[in-house]
N, C-alpha and C. Protein backbone atom coordinates (compact mmCIF):
# COMPACT_ATOMS: atom_id res chain seq x y z
N MET A 1 113.50 83.01 80.24
CA MET A 1 112.53 82.72 79.24
C MET A 1 113.15 81.29 78.44
N LYS A 2 112.14 80.63 78.33
CA LYS A 2 112.67 79.43 77.82
C LYS A 2 112.63 79.19 76.35
N MET A 3 113.58 78.72 75.58
CA MET A 3 113.48 78.68 74.26
C MET A 3 112.71 77.55 73.55
N GLN A 4 112.07 77.74 72.51
CA GLN A 4 111.17 76.73 71.92
C GLN A 4 111.73 76.38 70.56
N LYS A 5 111.63 75.24 70.19
CA LYS A 5 112.02 74.67 68.95
C LYS A 5 111.07 75.21 67.91
N SER A 6 111.69 75.60 66.66
CA SER A 6 110.58 75.74 65.67
C SER A 6 109.91 74.89 65.05
N ILE A 7 108.77 74.76 64.43
CA ILE A 7 108.03 73.81 63.97
C ILE A 7 108.96 72.93 62.99
N TYR A 8 109.68 73.53 62.11
CA TYR A 8 110.76 72.79 61.36
C TYR A 8 111.51 71.95 61.85
N TYR A 9 112.01 72.26 63.08
CA TYR A 9 113.06 71.55 63.69
C TYR A 9 112.25 70.38 64.49
N ILE A 10 111.05 70.47 64.96
CA ILE A 10 110.30 69.42 65.65
C ILE A 10 109.95 68.48 64.57
N LYS A 11 109.57 68.93 63.45
CA LYS A 11 109.19 67.87 62.44
C LYS A 11 110.35 67.20 61.72
N ARG A 12 111.57 67.78 61.69
CA ARG A 12 112.59 67.27 61.28
C ARG A 12 113.16 66.07 62.11
N ASP A 13 113.24 66.56 63.37
CA ASP A 13 113.53 65.53 64.55
C ASP A 13 112.52 64.45 64.36
N LEU A 14 111.11 64.60 64.29
CA LEU A 14 110.32 63.54 64.26
C LEU A 14 110.45 62.58 63.09
N ILE A 15 110.74 63.13 61.92
CA ILE A 15 110.99 62.16 60.88
C ILE A 15 112.48 61.40 60.74
N MET A 16 113.54 62.33 61.26
CA MET A 16 114.78 61.77 60.99
C MET A 16 115.33 61.31 62.22
N LEU A 17 114.85 60.83 63.15
CA LEU A 17 115.04 60.10 64.26
C LEU A 17 116.08 58.89 63.73
N PRO A 18 117.11 58.78 64.38
CA PRO A 18 118.04 57.79 64.20
C PRO A 18 117.58 56.32 64.63
N SER A 19 118.14 55.49 64.04
CA SER A 19 117.82 53.96 64.89
C SER A 19 118.60 53.96 66.02
N VAL A 20 118.11 53.13 66.84
CA VAL A 20 118.66 53.09 68.19
C VAL A 20 118.98 51.63 68.51
N PRO A 21 119.77 51.38 69.51
CA PRO A 21 120.26 49.80 69.93
C PRO A 21 118.74 49.43 70.61
N VAL A 22 118.69 48.08 70.40
CA VAL A 22 117.51 47.51 70.96
C VAL A 22 117.18 47.75 72.64
N ASN A 23 118.25 47.88 73.48
CA ASN A 23 117.98 48.16 74.76
C ASN A 23 117.54 49.48 74.97
N HIS A 24 117.56 50.34 74.08
CA HIS A 24 117.06 51.60 74.25
C HIS A 24 115.58 51.90 73.50
N LEU A 25 114.93 50.84 73.21
CA LEU A 25 113.84 51.18 72.49
C LEU A 25 112.58 51.72 73.31
N PHE A 26 112.50 51.50 74.57
CA PHE A 26 111.55 52.21 75.42
C PHE A 26 111.83 53.85 75.46
N ILE A 27 112.87 54.09 75.68
CA ILE A 27 113.14 55.61 75.48
C ILE A 27 112.97 56.15 74.16
N PHE A 28 113.39 55.55 73.21
CA PHE A 28 113.21 55.82 71.80
C PHE A 28 111.62 55.91 71.54
N SER A 29 110.74 55.05 71.77
CA SER A 29 109.26 55.28 71.71
C SER A 29 108.72 56.41 72.45
N ALA A 30 109.18 56.63 73.72
CA ALA A 30 109.00 57.79 74.49
C ALA A 30 109.25 59.12 73.66
N ARG A 31 110.33 59.18 73.37
CA ARG A 31 110.87 60.23 72.41
C ARG A 31 110.17 60.57 71.38
N LEU A 32 109.83 59.53 70.66
CA LEU A 32 109.13 59.47 69.25
C LEU A 32 107.62 60.05 69.72
N GLY A 33 106.88 59.56 70.51
CA GLY A 33 105.64 59.91 70.92
C GLY A 33 105.77 61.57 71.35
N ASN A 34 106.59 61.80 72.17
CA ASN A 34 106.72 63.20 72.71
C ASN A 34 106.77 64.21 71.45
N ASN A 35 107.66 63.89 70.61
CA ASN A 35 107.75 64.68 69.50
C ASN A 35 106.57 64.84 68.63
N LEU A 36 106.10 63.68 68.36
CA LEU A 36 104.75 63.87 67.57
C LEU A 36 103.66 64.50 68.40
N ARG A 37 103.47 64.35 69.71
CA ARG A 37 102.54 64.96 70.35
C ARG A 37 102.83 66.69 70.56
N TYR A 38 104.10 66.91 70.70
CA TYR A 38 104.30 68.36 70.35
C TYR A 38 103.99 68.92 69.10
N TYR A 39 104.31 68.26 68.14
CA TYR A 39 104.17 68.75 66.71
C TYR A 39 102.70 68.92 66.47
N VAL A 40 101.90 67.97 66.71
CA VAL A 40 100.34 68.01 66.70
C VAL A 40 99.99 69.13 67.50
N CYS A 41 100.29 69.09 68.68
CA CYS A 41 99.76 70.28 69.67
C CYS A 41 100.12 71.64 68.89
N SER A 42 101.30 71.71 68.53
CA SER A 42 101.69 73.07 67.96
C SER A 42 100.83 73.55 66.78
N ARG A 43 100.32 72.49 66.06
CA ARG A 43 99.54 72.68 64.94
C ARG A 43 98.13 72.72 65.04
N ASN A 44 97.93 72.62 66.50
CA ASN A 44 96.30 72.54 66.83
C ASN A 44 95.51 71.48 66.19
N CYS A 45 96.12 70.44 66.23
CA CYS A 45 95.27 69.21 65.51
C CYS A 45 95.25 67.98 66.46
N LEU A 46 95.35 68.25 67.74
CA LEU A 46 95.50 67.22 68.71
C LEU A 46 94.01 66.40 68.88
N ASP A 47 92.86 67.34 68.95
CA ASP A 47 91.52 66.93 69.11
C ASP A 47 90.69 66.81 67.87
N ASP A 48 91.23 66.95 66.65
CA ASP A 48 90.52 67.04 65.39
C ASP A 48 91.20 66.05 64.34
N PHE A 49 90.73 64.94 64.14
CA PHE A 49 91.24 63.98 63.34
C PHE A 49 91.21 64.51 61.79
N GLU A 50 90.32 65.33 61.47
CA GLU A 50 90.13 65.76 60.11
C GLU A 50 91.26 66.74 59.78
N ARG A 51 91.50 67.49 60.90
CA ARG A 51 92.54 68.60 60.78
C ARG A 51 94.05 67.94 60.84
N LEU A 52 93.98 66.89 61.64
CA LEU A 52 95.39 66.15 61.71
C LEU A 52 95.54 65.48 60.19
N PHE A 53 94.46 64.93 59.71
CA PHE A 53 94.72 64.30 58.12
C PHE A 53 94.84 65.36 57.42
N ALA A 54 94.44 66.48 57.39
CA ALA A 54 94.91 67.72 56.48
C ALA A 54 96.34 68.14 56.55
N LEU A 55 96.78 68.08 57.91
CA LEU A 55 98.29 68.47 58.08
C LEU A 55 99.12 67.24 57.73
N LEU A 56 98.88 66.01 57.81
CA LEU A 56 99.65 65.01 57.18
C LEU A 56 99.78 65.18 55.70
N ILE A 57 98.66 65.47 55.17
CA ILE A 57 98.57 65.65 53.50
C ILE A 57 99.32 66.96 53.19
N SER A 58 99.13 68.02 53.84
CA SER A 58 99.86 69.08 53.56
C SER A 58 101.37 69.12 53.70
N ASP A 59 101.89 68.17 54.54
CA ASP A 59 103.22 68.29 55.04
C ASP A 59 103.76 67.33 53.74
N LYS A 60 103.15 66.35 53.44
CA LYS A 60 103.47 65.45 52.15
C LYS A 60 103.62 66.16 50.93
N LEU A 61 102.67 67.03 50.73
CA LEU A 61 102.49 67.82 49.66
C LEU A 61 103.81 68.67 49.60
N LYS A 62 104.09 69.46 50.47
CA LYS A 62 105.02 70.48 50.57
C LYS A 62 106.47 69.57 50.51
N SER A 63 106.49 68.30 50.81
CA SER A 63 107.71 67.67 50.74
C SER A 63 108.07 67.35 49.32
N CYS A 64 107.11 67.38 48.37
CA CYS A 64 107.23 66.98 46.95
C CYS A 64 107.42 68.20 46.09
N LEU A 65 107.08 69.53 46.76
CA LEU A 65 107.22 70.53 45.83
C LEU A 65 108.87 71.18 45.42
N PRO A 66 109.07 71.62 44.38
CA PRO A 66 110.40 72.27 44.07
C PRO A 66 110.79 73.26 45.18
N ALA A 67 111.84 73.66 45.37
CA ALA A 67 112.38 74.58 46.48
C ALA A 67 111.82 75.92 46.27
N GLY A 68 111.69 76.46 45.19
CA GLY A 68 111.10 77.63 44.89
C GLY A 68 109.63 77.90 45.33
N ALA A 69 108.72 76.85 44.86
CA ALA A 69 107.47 76.76 45.05
C ALA A 69 107.44 76.65 46.75
N LEU A 70 108.08 75.71 47.46
CA LEU A 70 107.72 75.43 48.76
C LEU A 70 108.23 76.82 49.56
N ASN A 71 109.25 77.46 49.34
CA ASN A 71 109.60 78.82 49.98
C ASN A 71 108.48 79.65 49.88
N TYR A 72 108.08 79.72 48.45
CA TYR A 72 106.75 80.88 48.20
C TYR A 72 105.82 80.54 49.09
N ILE A 73 105.41 79.22 49.32
CA ILE A 73 103.94 78.98 50.00
C ILE A 73 104.45 79.02 51.64
N LEU A 74 105.61 78.67 51.97
CA LEU A 74 105.88 78.88 53.38
C LEU A 74 106.12 80.38 53.78
N SER A 75 106.54 81.29 52.76
CA SER A 75 106.37 82.57 52.99
C SER A 75 105.03 83.47 53.24
N LEU A 76 104.08 82.75 52.57
CA LEU A 76 102.72 83.15 52.69
C LEU A 76 102.08 82.66 53.88
N ALA A 77 102.43 81.29 54.38
CA ALA A 77 101.92 80.64 55.54
C ALA A 77 102.49 81.36 56.73
N GLY A 78 103.59 81.84 56.87
CA GLY A 78 104.18 82.37 58.16
C GLY A 78 104.29 81.26 59.16
N ASN A 79 103.75 81.56 60.25
CA ASN A 79 103.66 80.48 61.39
C ASN A 79 102.61 79.37 61.30
N ASP A 80 101.68 79.74 60.32
CA ASP A 80 100.46 78.76 60.20
C ASP A 80 100.84 77.77 59.21
N TRP A 81 99.61 77.07 58.92
CA TRP A 81 99.68 76.24 57.70
C TRP A 81 98.71 76.13 56.77
N PHE A 82 98.88 75.65 55.50
CA PHE A 82 97.70 75.57 54.50
C PHE A 82 96.87 74.31 54.53
N ASP A 83 95.81 74.23 54.24
CA ASP A 83 95.16 72.95 53.95
C ASP A 83 95.75 72.56 52.61
N PRO A 84 95.45 71.30 52.31
CA PRO A 84 95.96 70.90 50.98
C PRO A 84 95.27 71.43 49.64
N PRO A 85 94.21 71.75 49.63
CA PRO A 85 93.89 72.55 48.24
C PRO A 85 94.57 73.82 48.06
N PRO A 86 94.64 74.49 48.97
CA PRO A 86 95.33 76.01 48.84
C PRO A 86 96.76 75.75 48.46
N ILE A 87 97.32 74.56 49.01
CA ILE A 87 98.93 74.38 48.76
C ILE A 87 99.05 74.15 47.25
N GLY A 88 98.11 73.29 46.49
CA GLY A 88 98.20 73.08 45.13
C GLY A 88 97.75 74.24 44.47
N GLU A 89 97.00 75.20 44.91
CA GLU A 89 96.58 76.27 43.94
C GLU A 89 97.58 77.21 44.07
N LEU A 90 98.41 77.38 45.22
CA LEU A 90 99.68 78.27 45.35
C LEU A 90 100.56 77.86 44.60
N ALA A 91 100.94 76.55 44.51
CA ALA A 91 101.94 75.91 43.63
C ALA A 91 101.80 76.10 42.25
N ASP A 92 100.40 76.00 41.87
CA ASP A 92 100.17 76.15 40.41
C ASP A 92 100.40 77.78 40.15
N THR A 93 100.00 78.53 40.80
CA THR A 93 100.17 79.85 40.66
C THR A 93 101.46 80.21 40.68
N TYR A 94 102.54 79.87 41.53
CA TYR A 94 103.98 79.97 41.40
C TYR A 94 104.38 79.47 40.19
N VAL A 95 104.18 78.42 39.67
CA VAL A 95 104.46 77.58 38.40
C VAL A 95 104.15 78.51 37.27
N HIS A 96 102.95 78.98 37.27
CA HIS A 96 102.56 79.62 36.02
C HIS A 96 102.89 81.05 36.12
N THR A 97 103.35 81.65 37.18
CA THR A 97 103.56 83.02 36.92
C THR A 97 104.92 83.65 37.11
N ILE A 98 105.72 82.69 37.83
CA ILE A 98 107.08 82.81 37.91
C ILE A 98 107.98 82.46 36.39
N PRO A 99 108.69 83.36 36.00
CA PRO A 99 109.35 83.11 34.53
C PRO A 99 110.28 81.89 34.92
N TYR A 100 110.26 81.07 33.84
CA TYR A 100 111.11 79.69 33.77
C TYR A 100 112.48 79.83 34.26
N HIS A 101 113.34 80.94 33.63
CA HIS A 101 114.60 80.91 34.13
C HIS A 101 114.89 81.40 35.62
N ILE A 102 113.83 82.07 36.22
CA ILE A 102 114.01 82.31 37.65
C ILE A 102 113.68 81.02 38.43
N ARG A 103 112.75 80.11 38.11
CA ARG A 103 112.35 78.81 38.71
C ARG A 103 113.53 78.01 38.60
N LEU A 104 114.20 78.01 37.55
CA LEU A 104 115.45 77.11 37.39
C LEU A 104 116.56 77.60 38.53
N ASN A 105 116.58 78.75 38.94
CA ASN A 105 117.55 79.15 39.77
C ASN A 105 117.01 79.09 41.15
N ASN A 106 115.87 78.58 41.50
CA ASN A 106 115.19 78.48 42.70
C ASN A 106 115.19 79.81 43.54
N VAL A 107 114.88 80.79 42.88
CA VAL A 107 114.64 82.20 43.44
C VAL A 107 113.31 81.99 43.67
N ALA A 108 113.23 82.33 45.14
CA ALA A 108 111.85 82.24 45.94
C ALA A 108 111.23 83.72 46.04
N ASP A 109 112.31 84.55 46.12
CA ASP A 109 111.75 85.95 46.71
C ASP A 109 111.16 86.69 45.65
N ILE A 110 109.81 86.90 45.77
CA ILE A 110 108.95 87.42 44.64
C ILE A 110 109.46 88.99 44.42
N ARG A 111 109.98 89.48 45.42
CA ARG A 111 110.42 90.96 45.14
C ARG A 111 111.32 90.96 43.79
N ASN A 112 112.24 89.96 43.73
CA ASN A 112 113.25 90.09 42.64
C ASN A 112 112.69 90.06 41.13
N LEU A 113 111.22 89.58 41.29
CA LEU A 113 110.46 89.58 40.02
C LEU A 113 110.28 91.13 39.38
N GLN A 114 110.38 91.98 40.10
CA GLN A 114 110.03 93.40 39.67
C GLN A 114 111.03 93.86 38.57
N GLN A 115 112.18 93.28 38.32
CA GLN A 115 113.00 93.63 37.46
C GLN A 115 112.82 92.73 36.09
N TYR A 116 111.92 91.84 36.23
CA TYR A 116 111.57 91.14 35.00
C TYR A 116 110.07 91.62 34.56
N CYS A 117 109.29 92.27 35.39
CA CYS A 117 108.06 92.71 35.12
C CYS A 117 107.76 93.79 33.98
């Protein structure tokens, strides 16, 4: 059975690729292209520009969220991803329903809220 990288690690590798010496640029460009193609294919966006556009915006939105809101959204998404409008709605819901002292501690597990309700 072949092990596959999770989407998180594929995206991280794509964004965090280190700089390379000039004599390795061909290999670097191939690796960058392969990582991007694998990421886009894994999110089912290869043949649909609008879906790819939404994926890029969603990823940028998620990179701007505080840790608690991000964990909340990721826990709801599971292995899938949300379009940009639901991310904004879910982040607003999180911010307006989670008590302030819990958000300060970056507690993302909603089950912990039962003691405060």
